Each structure stands twice: as structure tokens, then as C-alpha cells.
């Protein structure tokens, strides 16, 4: 589901997504 919605994100939004995923570690 994340991969499907990620396609429409801007670069800055994808960077934000990356930061949030790092929090999951």
C-alpha cells in the first residue's frame, strides 16, 4: 500500500517518508 501511494509523492515528501521509516528501526 505504501509503494502504491508513494508514486505520487514529491522528492521532499519521499525524504520525509524515509525519515519516518528510519524511526521504525
PDBML (XML) file of the C-alpha atoms, coordinates in Angstrom:
<?xml version="1.0" encoding="UTF-8" ?>
<PDBx:datablock datablockName="MODEL"
   xmlns:PDBx="http://pdbml.pdb.org/schema/pdbx-v50.xsd"
   xmlns:xsi="http://www.w3.org/2001/XMLSchema-instance"
   xsi:schemaLocation="http://pdbml.pdb.org/schema/pdbx-v50.xsd pdbx-v50.xsd">
   <PDBx:atom_siteCategory>
      <PDBx:atom_site id="1">
         <PDBx:B_iso_or_equiv>0.00</PDBx:B_iso_or_equiv>
         <PDBx:Cartn_x>0.000</PDBx:Cartn_x>
         <PDBx:Cartn_y>0.000</PDBx:Cartn_y>
         <PDBx:Cartn_z>0.000</PDBx:Cartn_z>
         <PDBx:auth_asym_id>A</PDBx:auth_asym_id>
         <PDBx:auth_atom_id>CA</PDBx:auth_atom_id>
         <PDBx:auth_comp_id>UNK</PDBx:auth_comp_id>
         <PDBx:auth_seq_id>1</PDBx:auth_seq_id>
         <PDBx:group_PDB>ATOM</PDBx:group_PDB>
         <PDBx:label_alt_id xsi:nil="true" />
         <PDBx:label_asym_id>A</PDBx:label_asym_id>
         <PDBx:label_atom_id>CA</PDBx:label_atom_id>
         <PDBx:label_comp_id>UNK</PDBx:label_comp_id>
         <PDBx:label_entity_id>1</PDBx:label_entity_id>
         <PDBx:label_seq_id>1</PDBx:label_seq_id>
         <PDBx:occupancy>1.00</PDBx:occupancy>
         <PDBx:pdbx_PDB_model_num>1</PDBx:pdbx_PDB_model_num>
         <PDBx:type_symbol>C</PDBx:type_symbol>
      </PDBx:atom_site>
      <PDBx:atom_site id="2">
         <PDBx:B_iso_or_equiv>0.00</PDBx:B_iso_or_equiv>
         <PDBx:Cartn_x>2.864</PDBx:Cartn_x>
         <PDBx:Cartn_y>2.391</PDBx:Cartn_y>
         <PDBx:Cartn_z>0.823</PDBx:Cartn_z>
         <PDBx:auth_asym_id>A</PDBx:auth_asym_id>
         <PDBx:auth_atom_id>CA</PDBx:auth_atom_id>
         <PDBx:auth_comp_id>UNK</PDBx:auth_comp_id>
         <PDBx:auth_seq_id>2</PDBx:auth_seq_id>
         <PDBx:group_PDB>ATOM</PDBx:group_PDB>
         <PDBx:label_alt_id xsi:nil="true" />
         <PDBx:label_asym_id>A</PDBx:label_asym_id>
         <PDBx:label_atom_id>CA</PDBx:label_atom_id>
         <PDBx:label_comp_id>UNK</PDBx:label_comp_id>
         <PDBx:label_entity_id>1</PDBx:label_entity_id>
         <PDBx:label_seq_id>2</PDBx:label_seq_id>
         <PDBx:occupancy>1.00</PDBx:occupancy>
         <PDBx:pdbx_PDB_model_num>1</PDBx:pdbx_PDB_model_num>
         <PDBx:type_symbol>C</PDBx:type_symbol>
      </PDBx:atom_site>
      <PDBx:atom_site id="3">
         <PDBx:B_iso_or_equiv>0.00</PDBx:B_iso_or_equiv>
         <PDBx:Cartn_x>4.518</PDBx:Cartn_x>
         <PDBx:Cartn_y>1.641</PDBx:Cartn_y>
         <PDBx:Cartn_z>-2.516</PDBx:Cartn_z>
         <PDBx:auth_asym_id>A</PDBx:auth_asym_id>
         <PDBx:auth_atom_id>CA</PDBx:auth_atom_id>
         <PDBx:auth_comp_id>UNK</PDBx:auth_comp_id>
         <PDBx:auth_seq_id>3</PDBx:auth_seq_id>
         <PDBx:group_PDB>ATOM</PDBx:group_PDB>
         <PDBx:label_alt_id xsi:nil="true" />
         <PDBx:label_asym_id>A</PDBx:label_asym_id>
         <PDBx:label_atom_id>CA</PDBx:label_atom_id>
         <PDBx:label_comp_id>UNK</PDBx:label_comp_id>
         <PDBx:label_entity_id>1</PDBx:label_entity_id>
         <PDBx:label_seq_id>3</PDBx:label_seq_id>
         <PDBx:occupancy>1.00</PDBx:occupancy>
         <PDBx:pdbx_PDB_model_num>1</PDBx:pdbx_PDB_model_num>
         <PDBx:type_symbol>C</PDBx:type_symbol>
      </PDBx:atom_site>
      <PDBx:atom_site id="4">
         <PDBx:B_iso_or_equiv>0.00</PDBx:B_iso_or_equiv>
         <PDBx:Cartn_x>1.265</PDBx:Cartn_x>
         <PDBx:Cartn_y>2.452</PDBx:Cartn_y>
         <PDBx:Cartn_z>-4.320</PDBx:Cartn_z>
         <PDBx:auth_asym_id>A</PDBx:auth_asym_id>
         <PDBx:auth_atom_id>CA</PDBx:auth_atom_id>
         <PDBx:auth_comp_id>UNK</PDBx:auth_comp_id>
         <PDBx:auth_seq_id>4</PDBx:auth_seq_id>
         <PDBx:group_PDB>ATOM</PDBx:group_PDB>
         <PDBx:label_alt_id xsi:nil="true" />
         <PDBx:label_asym_id>A</PDBx:label_asym_id>
         <PDBx:label_atom_id>CA</PDBx:label_atom_id>
         <PDBx:label_comp_id>UNK</PDBx:label_comp_id>
         <PDBx:label_entity_id>1</PDBx:label_entity_id>
         <PDBx:label_seq_id>4</PDBx:label_seq_id>
         <PDBx:occupancy>1.00</PDBx:occupancy>
         <PDBx:pdbx_PDB_model_num>1</PDBx:pdbx_PDB_model_num>
         <PDBx:type_symbol>C</PDBx:type_symbol>
      </PDBx:atom_site>
      <PDBx:atom_site id="5">
         <PDBx:B_iso_or_equiv>0.00</PDBx:B_iso_or_equiv>
         <PDBx:Cartn_x>0.740</PDBx:Cartn_x>
         <PDBx:Cartn_y>5.800</PDBx:Cartn_y>
         <PDBx:Cartn_z>-2.604</PDBx:Cartn_z>
         <PDBx:auth_asym_id>A</PDBx:auth_asym_id>
         <PDBx:auth_atom_id>CA</PDBx:auth_atom_id>
         <PDBx:auth_comp_id>UNK</PDBx:auth_comp_id>
         <PDBx:auth_seq_id>5</PDBx:auth_seq_id>
         <PDBx:group_PDB>ATOM</PDBx:group_PDB>
         <PDBx:label_alt_id xsi:nil="true" />
         <PDBx:label_asym_id>A</PDBx:label_asym_id>
         <PDBx:label_atom_id>CA</PDBx:label_atom_id>
         <PDBx:label_comp_id>UNK</PDBx:label_comp_id>
         <PDBx:label_entity_id>1</PDBx:label_entity_id>
         <PDBx:label_seq_id>5</PDBx:label_seq_id>
         <PDBx:occupancy>1.00</PDBx:occupancy>
         <PDBx:pdbx_PDB_model_num>1</PDBx:pdbx_PDB_model_num>
         <PDBx:type_symbol>C</PDBx:type_symbol>
      </PDBx:atom_site>
      <PDBx:atom_site id="6">
         <PDBx:B_iso_or_equiv>0.00</PDBx:B_iso_or_equiv>
         <PDBx:Cartn_x>4.456</PDBx:Cartn_x>
         <PDBx:Cartn_y>6.677</PDBx:Cartn_y>
         <PDBx:Cartn_z>-2.701</PDBx:Cartn_z>
         <PDBx:auth_asym_id>A</PDBx:auth_asym_id>
         <PDBx:auth_atom_id>CA</PDBx:auth_atom_id>
         <PDBx:auth_comp_id>UNK</PDBx:auth_comp_id>
         <PDBx:auth_seq_id>6</PDBx:auth_seq_id>
         <PDBx:group_PDB>ATOM</PDBx:group_PDB>
         <PDBx:label_alt_id xsi:nil="true" />
         <PDBx:label_asym_id>A</PDBx:label_asym_id>
         <PDBx:label_atom_id>CA</PDBx:label_atom_id>
         <PDBx:label_comp_id>UNK</PDBx:label_comp_id>
         <PDBx:label_entity_id>1</PDBx:label_entity_id>
         <PDBx:label_seq_id>6</PDBx:label_seq_id>
         <PDBx:occupancy>1.00</PDBx:occupancy>
         <PDBx:pdbx_PDB_model_num>1</PDBx:pdbx_PDB_model_num>
         <PDBx:type_symbol>C</PDBx:type_symbol>
      </PDBx:atom_site>
      <PDBx:atom_site id="7">
         <PDBx:B_iso_or_equiv>0.00</PDBx:B_iso_or_equiv>
         <PDBx:Cartn_x>4.438</PDBx:Cartn_x>
         <PDBx:Cartn_y>7.021</PDBx:Cartn_y>
         <PDBx:Cartn_z>-6.503</PDBx:Cartn_z>
         <PDBx:auth_asym_id>A</PDBx:auth_asym_id>
         <PDBx:auth_atom_id>CA</PDBx:auth_atom_id>
         <PDBx:auth_comp_id>UNK</PDBx:auth_comp_id>
         <PDBx:auth_seq_id>7</PDBx:auth_seq_id>
         <PDBx:group_PDB>ATOM</PDBx:group_PDB>
         <PDBx:label_alt_id xsi:nil="true" />
         <PDBx:label_asym_id>A</PDBx:label_asym_id>
         <PDBx:label_atom_id>CA</PDBx:label_atom_id>
         <PDBx:label_comp_id>UNK</PDBx:label_comp_id>
         <PDBx:label_entity_id>1</PDBx:label_entity_id>
         <PDBx:label_seq_id>7</PDBx:label_seq_id>
         <PDBx:occupancy>1.00</PDBx:occupancy>
         <PDBx:pdbx_PDB_model_num>1</PDBx:pdbx_PDB_model_num>
         <PDBx:type_symbol>C</PDBx:type_symbol>
      </PDBx:atom_site>
      <PDBx:atom_site id="8">
         <PDBx:B_iso_or_equiv>0.00</PDBx:B_iso_or_equiv>
         <PDBx:Cartn_x>2.616</PDBx:Cartn_x>
         <PDBx:Cartn_y>10.357</PDBx:Cartn_y>
         <PDBx:Cartn_z>-6.335</PDBx:Cartn_z>
         <PDBx:auth_asym_id>A</PDBx:auth_asym_id>
         <PDBx:auth_atom_id>CA</PDBx:auth_atom_id>
         <PDBx:auth_comp_id>UNK</PDBx:auth_comp_id>
         <PDBx:auth_seq_id>8</PDBx:auth_seq_id>
         <PDBx:group_PDB>ATOM</PDBx:group_PDB>
         <PDBx:label_alt_id xsi:nil="true" />
         <PDBx:label_asym_id>A</PDBx:label_asym_id>
         <PDBx:label_atom_id>CA</PDBx:label_atom_id>
         <PDBx:label_comp_id>UNK</PDBx:label_comp_id>
         <PDBx:label_entity_id>1</PDBx:label_entity_id>
         <PDBx:label_seq_id>8</PDBx:label_seq_id>
         <PDBx:occupancy>1.00</PDBx:occupancy>
         <PDBx:pdbx_PDB_model_num>1</PDBx:pdbx_PDB_model_num>
         <PDBx:type_symbol>C</PDBx:type_symbol>
      </PDBx:atom_site>
      <PDBx:atom_site id="9">
         <PDBx:B_iso_or_equiv>0.00</PDBx:B_iso_or_equiv>
         <PDBx:Cartn_x>4.900</PDBx:Cartn_x>
         <PDBx:Cartn_y>11.973</PDBx:Cartn_y>
         <PDBx:Cartn_z>-3.738</PDBx:Cartn_z>
         <PDBx:auth_asym_id>A</PDBx:auth_asym_id>
         <PDBx:auth_atom_id>CA</PDBx:auth_atom_id>
         <PDBx:auth_comp_id>UNK</PDBx:auth_comp_id>
         <PDBx:auth_seq_id>9</PDBx:auth_seq_id>
         <PDBx:group_PDB>ATOM</PDBx:group_PDB>
         <PDBx:label_alt_id xsi:nil="true" />
         <PDBx:label_asym_id>A</PDBx:label_asym_id>
         <PDBx:label_atom_id>CA</PDBx:label_atom_id>
         <PDBx:label_comp_id>UNK</PDBx:label_comp_id>
         <PDBx:label_entity_id>1</PDBx:label_entity_id>
         <PDBx:label_seq_id>9</PDBx:label_seq_id>
         <PDBx:occupancy>1.00</PDBx:occupancy>
         <PDBx:pdbx_PDB_model_num>1</PDBx:pdbx_PDB_model_num>
         <PDBx:type_symbol>C</PDBx:type_symbol>
      </PDBx:atom_site>
      <PDBx:atom_site id="10">
         <PDBx:B_iso_or_equiv>0.00</PDBx:B_iso_or_equiv>
         <PDBx:Cartn_x>7.313</PDBx:Cartn_x>
         <PDBx:Cartn_y>14.810</PDBx:Cartn_y>
         <PDBx:Cartn_z>-4.357</PDBx:Cartn_z>
         <PDBx:auth_asym_id>A</PDBx:auth_asym_id>
         <PDBx:auth_atom_id>CA</PDBx:auth_atom_id>
         <PDBx:auth_comp_id>UNK</PDBx:auth_comp_id>
         <PDBx:auth_seq_id>10</PDBx:auth_seq_id>
         <PDBx:group_PDB>ATOM</PDBx:group_PDB>
         <PDBx:label_alt_id xsi:nil="true" />
         <PDBx:label_asym_id>A</PDBx:label_asym_id>
         <PDBx:label_atom_id>CA</PDBx:label_atom_id>
         <PDBx:label_comp_id>UNK</PDBx:label_comp_id>
         <PDBx:label_entity_id>1</PDBx:label_entity_id>
         <PDBx:label_seq_id>10</PDBx:label_seq_id>
         <PDBx:occupancy>1.00</PDBx:occupancy>
         <PDBx:pdbx_PDB_model_num>1</PDBx:pdbx_PDB_model_num>
         <PDBx:type_symbol>C</PDBx:type_symbol>
      </PDBx:atom_site>
      <PDBx:atom_site id="11">
         <PDBx:B_iso_or_equiv>0.00</PDBx:B_iso_or_equiv>
         <PDBx:Cartn_x>11.025</PDBx:Cartn_x>
         <PDBx:Cartn_y>14.476</PDBx:Cartn_y>
         <PDBx:Cartn_z>-3.590</PDBx:Cartn_z>
         <PDBx:auth_asym_id>A</PDBx:auth_asym_id>
         <PDBx:auth_atom_id>CA</PDBx:auth_atom_id>
         <PDBx:auth_comp_id>UNK</PDBx:auth_comp_id>
         <PDBx:auth_seq_id>11</PDBx:auth_seq_id>
         <PDBx:group_PDB>ATOM</PDBx:group_PDB>
         <PDBx:label_alt_id xsi:nil="true" />
         <PDBx:label_asym_id>A</PDBx:label_asym_id>
         <PDBx:label_atom_id>CA</PDBx:label_atom_id>
         <PDBx:label_comp_id>UNK</PDBx:label_comp_id>
         <PDBx:label_entity_id>1</PDBx:label_entity_id>
         <PDBx:label_seq_id>11</PDBx:label_seq_id>
         <PDBx:occupancy>1.00</PDBx:occupancy>
         <PDBx:pdbx_PDB_model_num>1</PDBx:pdbx_PDB_model_num>
         <PDBx:type_symbol>C</PDBx:type_symbol>
      </PDBx:atom_site>
      <PDBx:atom_site id="12">
         <PDBx:B_iso_or_equiv>0.00</PDBx:B_iso_or_equiv>
         <PDBx:Cartn_x>10.720</PDBx:Cartn_x>
         <PDBx:Cartn_y>16.278</PDBx:Cartn_y>
         <PDBx:Cartn_z>-0.235</PDBx:Cartn_z>
         <PDBx:auth_asym_id>A</PDBx:auth_asym_id>
         <PDBx:auth_atom_id>CA</PDBx:auth_atom_id>
         <PDBx:auth_comp_id>UNK</PDBx:auth_comp_id>
         <PDBx:auth_seq_id>12</PDBx:auth_seq_id>
         <PDBx:group_PDB>ATOM</PDBx:group_PDB>
         <PDBx:label_alt_id xsi:nil="true" />
         <PDBx:label_asym_id>A</PDBx:label_asym_id>
         <PDBx:label_atom_id>CA</PDBx:label_atom_id>
         <PDBx:label_comp_id>UNK</PDBx:label_comp_id>
         <PDBx:label_entity_id>1</PDBx:label_entity_id>
         <PDBx:label_seq_id>12</PDBx:label_seq_id>
         <PDBx:occupancy>1.00</PDBx:occupancy>
         <PDBx:pdbx_PDB_model_num>1</PDBx:pdbx_PDB_model_num>
         <PDBx:type_symbol>C</PDBx:type_symbol>
      </PDBx:atom_site>
      <PDBx:atom_site id="13">
         <PDBx:B_iso_or_equiv>0.00</PDBx:B_iso_or_equiv>
         <PDBx:Cartn_x>7.760</PDBx:Cartn_x>
         <PDBx:Cartn_y>14.104</PDBx:Cartn_y>
         <PDBx:Cartn_z>0.703</PDBx:Cartn_z>
         <PDBx:auth_asym_id>A</PDBx:auth_asym_id>
         <PDBx:auth_atom_id>CA</PDBx:auth_atom_id>
         <PDBx:auth_comp_id>UNK</PDBx:auth_comp_id>
         <PDBx:auth_seq_id>13</PDBx:auth_seq_id>
         <PDBx:group_PDB>ATOM</PDBx:group_PDB>
         <PDBx:label_alt_id xsi:nil="true" />
         <PDBx:label_asym_id>A</PDBx:label_asym_id>
         <PDBx:label_atom_id>CA</PDBx:label_atom_id>
         <PDBx:label_comp_id>UNK</PDBx:label_comp_id>
         <PDBx:label_entity_id>1</PDBx:label_entity_id>
         <PDBx:label_seq_id>13</PDBx:label_seq_id>
         <PDBx:occupancy>1.00</PDBx:occupancy>
         <PDBx:pdbx_PDB_model_num>1</PDBx:pdbx_PDB_model_num>
         <PDBx:type_symbol>C</PDBx:type_symbol>
      </PDBx:atom_site>
      <PDBx:atom_site id="14">
         <PDBx:B_iso_or_equiv>0.00</PDBx:B_iso_or_equiv>
         <PDBx:Cartn_x>9.760</PDBx:Cartn_x>
         <PDBx:Cartn_y>10.959</PDBx:Cartn_y>
         <PDBx:Cartn_z>-0.108</PDBx:Cartn_z>
         <PDBx:auth_asym_id>A</PDBx:auth_asym_id>
         <PDBx:auth_atom_id>CA</PDBx:auth_atom_id>
         <PDBx:auth_comp_id>UNK</PDBx:auth_comp_id>
         <PDBx:auth_seq_id>14</PDBx:auth_seq_id>
         <PDBx:group_PDB>ATOM</PDBx:group_PDB>
         <PDBx:label_alt_id xsi:nil="true" />
         <PDBx:label_asym_id>A</PDBx:label_asym_id>
         <PDBx:label_atom_id>CA</PDBx:label_atom_id>
         <PDBx:label_comp_id>UNK</PDBx:label_comp_id>
         <PDBx:label_entity_id>1</PDBx:label_entity_id>
         <PDBx:label_seq_id>14</PDBx:label_seq_id>
         <PDBx:occupancy>1.00</PDBx:occupancy>
         <PDBx:pdbx_PDB_model_num>1</PDBx:pdbx_PDB_model_num>
         <PDBx:type_symbol>C</PDBx:type_symbol>
      </PDBx:atom_site>
      <PDBx:atom_site id="15">
         <PDBx:B_iso_or_equiv>0.00</PDBx:B_iso_or_equiv>
         <PDBx:Cartn_x>12.600</PDBx:Cartn_x>
         <PDBx:Cartn_y>12.250</PDBx:Cartn_y>
         <PDBx:Cartn_z>2.098</PDBx:Cartn_z>
         <PDBx:auth_asym_id>A</PDBx:auth_asym_id>
         <PDBx:auth_atom_id>CA</PDBx:auth_atom_id>
         <PDBx:auth_comp_id>UNK</PDBx:auth_comp_id>
         <PDBx:auth_seq_id>15</PDBx:auth_seq_id>
         <PDBx:group_PDB>ATOM</PDBx:group_PDB>
         <PDBx:label_alt_id xsi:nil="true" />
         <PDBx:label_asym_id>A</PDBx:label_asym_id>
         <PDBx:label_atom_id>CA</PDBx:label_atom_id>
         <PDBx:label_comp_id>UNK</PDBx:label_comp_id>
         <PDBx:label_entity_id>1</PDBx:label_entity_id>
         <PDBx:label_seq_id>15</PDBx:label_seq_id>
         <PDBx:occupancy>1.00</PDBx:occupancy>
         <PDBx:pdbx_PDB_model_num>1</PDBx:pdbx_PDB_model_num>
         <PDBx:type_symbol>C</PDBx:type_symbol>
      </PDBx:atom_site>
      <PDBx:atom_site id="16">
         <PDBx:B_iso_or_equiv>0.00</PDBx:B_iso_or_equiv>
         <PDBx:Cartn_x>10.071</PDBx:Cartn_x>
         <PDBx:Cartn_y>12.698</PDBx:Cartn_y>
         <PDBx:Cartn_z>4.891</PDBx:Cartn_z>
         <PDBx:auth_asym_id>A</PDBx:auth_asym_id>
         <PDBx:auth_atom_id>CA</PDBx:auth_atom_id>
         <PDBx:auth_comp_id>UNK</PDBx:auth_comp_id>
         <PDBx:auth_seq_id>16</PDBx:auth_seq_id>
         <PDBx:group_PDB>ATOM</PDBx:group_PDB>
         <PDBx:label_alt_id xsi:nil="true" />
         <PDBx:label_asym_id>A</PDBx:label_asym_id>
         <PDBx:label_atom_id>CA</PDBx:label_atom_id>
         <PDBx:label_comp_id>UNK</PDBx:label_comp_id>
         <PDBx:label_entity_id>1</PDBx:label_entity_id>
         <PDBx:label_seq_id>16</PDBx:label_seq_id>
         <PDBx:occupancy>1.00</PDBx:occupancy>
         <PDBx:pdbx_PDB_model_num>1</PDBx:pdbx_PDB_model_num>
         <PDBx:type_symbol>C</PDBx:type_symbol>
      </PDBx:atom_site>
      <PDBx:atom_site id="17">
         <PDBx:B_iso_or_equiv>0.00</PDBx:B_iso_or_equiv>
         <PDBx:Cartn_x>8.875</PDBx:Cartn_x>
         <PDBx:Cartn_y>9.128</PDBx:Cartn_y>
         <PDBx:Cartn_z>4.327</PDBx:Cartn_z>
         <PDBx:auth_asym_id>A</PDBx:auth_asym_id>
         <PDBx:auth_atom_id>CA</PDBx:auth_atom_id>
         <PDBx:auth_comp_id>UNK</PDBx:auth_comp_id>
         <PDBx:auth_seq_id>17</PDBx:auth_seq_id>
         <PDBx:group_PDB>ATOM</PDBx:group_PDB>
         <PDBx:label_alt_id xsi:nil="true" />
         <PDBx:label_asym_id>A</PDBx:label_asym_id>
         <PDBx:label_atom_id>CA</PDBx:label_atom_id>
         <PDBx:label_comp_id>UNK</PDBx:label_comp_id>
         <PDBx:label_entity_id>1</PDBx:label_entity_id>
         <PDBx:label_seq_id>17</PDBx:label_seq_id>
         <PDBx:occupancy>1.00</PDBx:occupancy>
         <PDBx:pdbx_PDB_model_num>1</PDBx:pdbx_PDB_model_num>
         <PDBx:type_symbol>C</PDBx:type_symbol>
      </PDBx:atom_site>
      <PDBx:atom_site id="18">
         <PDBx:B_iso_or_equiv>0.00</PDBx:B_iso_or_equiv>
         <PDBx:Cartn_x>12.474</PDBx:Cartn_x>
         <PDBx:Cartn_y>7.876</PDBx:Cartn_y>
         <PDBx:Cartn_z>4.563</PDBx:Cartn_z>
         <PDBx:auth_asym_id>A</PDBx:auth_asym_id>
         <PDBx:auth_atom_id>CA</PDBx:auth_atom_id>
         <PDBx:auth_comp_id>UNK</PDBx:auth_comp_id>
         <PDBx:auth_seq_id>18</PDBx:auth_seq_id>
         <PDBx:group_PDB>ATOM</PDBx:group_PDB>
         <PDBx:label_alt_id xsi:nil="true" />
         <PDBx:label_asym_id>A</PDBx:label_asym_id>
         <PDBx:label_atom_id>CA</PDBx:label_atom_id>
         <PDBx:label_comp_id>UNK</PDBx:label_comp_id>
         <PDBx:label_entity_id>1</PDBx:label_entity_id>
         <PDBx:label_seq_id>18</PDBx:label_seq_id>
         <PDBx:occupancy>1.00</PDBx:occupancy>
         <PDBx:pdbx_PDB_model_num>1</PDBx:pdbx_PDB_model_num>
         <PDBx:type_symbol>C</PDBx:type_symbol>
      </PDBx:atom_site>
      <PDBx:atom_site id="19">
         <PDBx:B_iso_or_equiv>0.00</PDBx:B_iso_or_equiv>
         <PDBx:Cartn_x>12.976</PDBx:Cartn_x>
         <PDBx:Cartn_y>9.645</PDBx:Cartn_y>
         <PDBx:Cartn_z>7.908</PDBx:Cartn_z>
         <PDBx:auth_asym_id>A</PDBx:auth_asym_id>
         <PDBx:auth_atom_id>CA</PDBx:auth_atom_id>
         <PDBx:auth_comp_id>UNK</PDBx:auth_comp_id>
         <PDBx:auth_seq_id>19</PDBx:auth_seq_id>
         <PDBx:group_PDB>ATOM</PDBx:group_PDB>
         <PDBx:label_alt_id xsi:nil="true" />
         <PDBx:label_asym_id>A</PDBx:label_asym_id>
         <PDBx:label_atom_id>CA</PDBx:label_atom_id>
         <PDBx:label_comp_id>UNK</PDBx:label_comp_id>
         <PDBx:label_entity_id>1</PDBx:label_entity_id>
         <PDBx:label_seq_id>19</PDBx:label_seq_id>
         <PDBx:occupancy>1.00</PDBx:occupancy>
         <PDBx:pdbx_PDB_model_num>1</PDBx:pdbx_PDB_model_num>
         <PDBx:type_symbol>C</PDBx:type_symbol>
      </PDBx:atom_site>
      <PDBx:atom_site id="20">
         <PDBx:B_iso_or_equiv>0.00</PDBx:B_iso_or_equiv>
         <PDBx:Cartn_x>9.816</PDBx:Cartn_x>
         <PDBx:Cartn_y>8.094</PDBx:Cartn_y>
         <PDBx:Cartn_z>9.288</PDBx:Cartn_z>
         <PDBx:auth_asym_id>A</PDBx:auth_asym_id>
         <PDBx:auth_atom_id>CA</PDBx:auth_atom_id>
         <PDBx:auth_comp_id>UNK</PDBx:auth_comp_id>
         <PDBx:auth_seq_id>20</PDBx:auth_seq_id>
         <PDBx:group_PDB>ATOM</PDBx:group_PDB>
         <PDBx:label_alt_id xsi:nil="true" />
         <PDBx:label_asym_id>A</PDBx:label_asym_id>
         <PDBx:label_atom_id>CA</PDBx:label_atom_id>
         <PDBx:label_comp_id>UNK</PDBx:label_comp_id>
         <PDBx:label_entity_id>1</PDBx:label_entity_id>
         <PDBx:label_seq_id>20</PDBx:label_seq_id>
         <PDBx:occupancy>1.00</PDBx:occupancy>
         <PDBx:pdbx_PDB_model_num>1</PDBx:pdbx_PDB_model_num>
         <PDBx:type_symbol>C</PDBx:type_symbol>
      </PDBx:atom_site>
      <PDBx:atom_site id="21">
         <PDBx:B_iso_or_equiv>0.00</PDBx:B_iso_or_equiv>
         <PDBx:Cartn_x>10.922</PDBx:Cartn_x>
         <PDBx:Cartn_y>4.607</PDBx:Cartn_y>
         <PDBx:Cartn_z>8.211</PDBx:Cartn_z>
         <PDBx:auth_asym_id>A</PDBx:auth_asym_id>
         <PDBx:auth_atom_id>CA</PDBx:auth_atom_id>
         <PDBx:auth_comp_id>UNK</PDBx:auth_comp_id>
         <PDBx:auth_seq_id>21</PDBx:auth_seq_id>
         <PDBx:group_PDB>ATOM</PDBx:group_PDB>
         <PDBx:label_alt_id xsi:nil="true" />
         <PDBx:label_asym_id>A</PDBx:label_asym_id>
         <PDBx:label_atom_id>CA</PDBx:label_atom_id>
         <PDBx:label_comp_id>UNK</PDBx:label_comp_id>
         <PDBx:label_entity_id>1</PDBx:label_entity_id>
         <PDBx:label_seq_id>21</PDBx:label_seq_id>
         <PDBx:occupancy>1.00</PDBx:occupancy>
         <PDBx:pdbx_PDB_model_num>1</PDBx:pdbx_PDB_model_num>
         <PDBx:type_symbol>C</PDBx:type_symbol>
      </PDBx:atom_site>
      <PDBx:atom_site id="22">
         <PDBx:B_iso_or_equiv>0.00</PDBx:B_iso_or_equiv>
         <PDBx:Cartn_x>14.250</PDBx:Cartn_x>
         <PDBx:Cartn_y>5.108</PDBx:Cartn_y>
         <PDBx:Cartn_z>9.970</PDBx:Cartn_z>
         <PDBx:auth_asym_id>A</PDBx:auth_asym_id>
         <PDBx:auth_atom_id>CA</PDBx:auth_atom_id>
         <PDBx:auth_comp_id>UNK</PDBx:auth_comp_id>
         <PDBx:auth_seq_id>22</PDBx:auth_seq_id>
         <PDBx:group_PDB>ATOM</PDBx:group_PDB>
         <PDBx:label_alt_id xsi:nil="true" />
         <PDBx:label_asym_id>A</PDBx:label_asym_id>
         <PDBx:label_atom_id>CA</PDBx:label_atom_id>
         <PDBx:label_comp_id>UNK</PDBx:label_comp_id>
         <PDBx:label_entity_id>1</PDBx:label_entity_id>
         <PDBx:label_seq_id>22</PDBx:label_seq_id>
         <PDBx:occupancy>1.00</PDBx:occupancy>
         <PDBx:pdbx_PDB_model_num>1</PDBx:pdbx_PDB_model_num>
         <PDBx:type_symbol>C</PDBx:type_symbol>
      </PDBx:atom_site>
      <PDBx:atom_site id="23">
         <PDBx:B_iso_or_equiv>0.00</PDBx:B_iso_or_equiv>
         <PDBx:Cartn_x>12.289</PDBx:Cartn_x>
         <PDBx:Cartn_y>5.721</PDBx:Cartn_y>
         <PDBx:Cartn_z>13.154</PDBx:Cartn_z>
         <PDBx:auth_asym_id>A</PDBx:auth_asym_id>
         <PDBx:auth_atom_id>CA</PDBx:auth_atom_id>
         <PDBx:auth_comp_id>UNK</PDBx:auth_comp_id>
         <PDBx:auth_seq_id>23</PDBx:auth_seq_id>
         <PDBx:group_PDB>ATOM</PDBx:group_PDB>
         <PDBx:label_alt_id xsi:nil="true" />
         <PDBx:label_asym_id>A</PDBx:label_asym_id>
         <PDBx:label_atom_id>CA</PDBx:label_atom_id>
         <PDBx:label_comp_id>UNK</PDBx:label_comp_id>
         <PDBx:label_entity_id>1</PDBx:label_entity_id>
         <PDBx:label_seq_id>23</PDBx:label_seq_id>
         <PDBx:occupancy>1.00</PDBx:occupancy>
         <PDBx:pdbx_PDB_model_num>1</PDBx:pdbx_PDB_model_num>
         <PDBx:type_symbol>C</PDBx:type_symbol>
      </PDBx:atom_site>
      <PDBx:atom_site id="24">
         <PDBx:B_iso_or_equiv>0.00</PDBx:B_iso_or_equiv>
         <PDBx:Cartn_x>10.940</PDBx:Cartn_x>
         <PDBx:Cartn_y>2.189</PDBx:Cartn_y>
         <PDBx:Cartn_z>12.880</PDBx:Cartn_z>
         <PDBx:auth_asym_id>A</PDBx:auth_asym_id>
         <PDBx:auth_atom_id>CA</PDBx:auth_atom_id>
         <PDBx:auth_comp_id>UNK</PDBx:auth_comp_id>
         <PDBx:auth_seq_id>24</PDBx:auth_seq_id>
         <PDBx:group_PDB>ATOM</PDBx:group_PDB>
         <PDBx:label_alt_id xsi:nil="true" />
         <PDBx:label_asym_id>A</PDBx:label_asym_id>
         <PDBx:label_atom_id>CA</PDBx:label_atom_id>
         <PDBx:label_comp_id>UNK</PDBx:label_comp_id>
         <PDBx:label_entity_id>1</PDBx:label_entity_id>
         <PDBx:label_seq_id>24</PDBx:label_seq_id>
         <PDBx:occupancy>1.00</PDBx:occupancy>
         <PDBx:pdbx_PDB_model_num>1</PDBx:pdbx_PDB_model_num>
         <PDBx:type_symbol>C</PDBx:type_symbol>
      </PDBx:atom_site>
      <PDBx:atom_site id="25">
         <PDBx:B_iso_or_equiv>0.00</PDBx:B_iso_or_equiv>
         <PDBx:Cartn_x>14.394</PDBx:Cartn_x>
         <PDBx:Cartn_y>0.698</PDBx:Cartn_y>
         <PDBx:Cartn_z>13.487</PDBx:Cartn_z>
         <PDBx:auth_asym_id>A</PDBx:auth_asym_id>
         <PDBx:auth_atom_id>CA</PDBx:auth_atom_id>
         <PDBx:auth_comp_id>UNK</PDBx:auth_comp_id>
         <PDBx:auth_seq_id>25</PDBx:auth_seq_id>
         <PDBx:group_PDB>ATOM</PDBx:group_PDB>
         <PDBx:label_alt_id xsi:nil="true" />
         <PDBx:label_asym_id>A</PDBx:label_asym_id>
         <PDBx:label_atom_id>CA</PDBx:label_atom_id>
         <PDBx:label_comp_id>UNK</PDBx:label_comp_id>
         <PDBx:label_entity_id>1</PDBx:label_entity_id>
         <PDBx:label_seq_id>25</PDBx:label_seq_id>
         <PDBx:occupancy>1.00</PDBx:occupancy>
         <PDBx:pdbx_PDB_model_num>1</PDBx:pdbx_PDB_model_num>
         <PDBx:type_symbol>C</PDBx:type_symbol>
      </PDBx:atom_site>
   </PDBx:atom_siteCategory>
</PDBx:datablock>
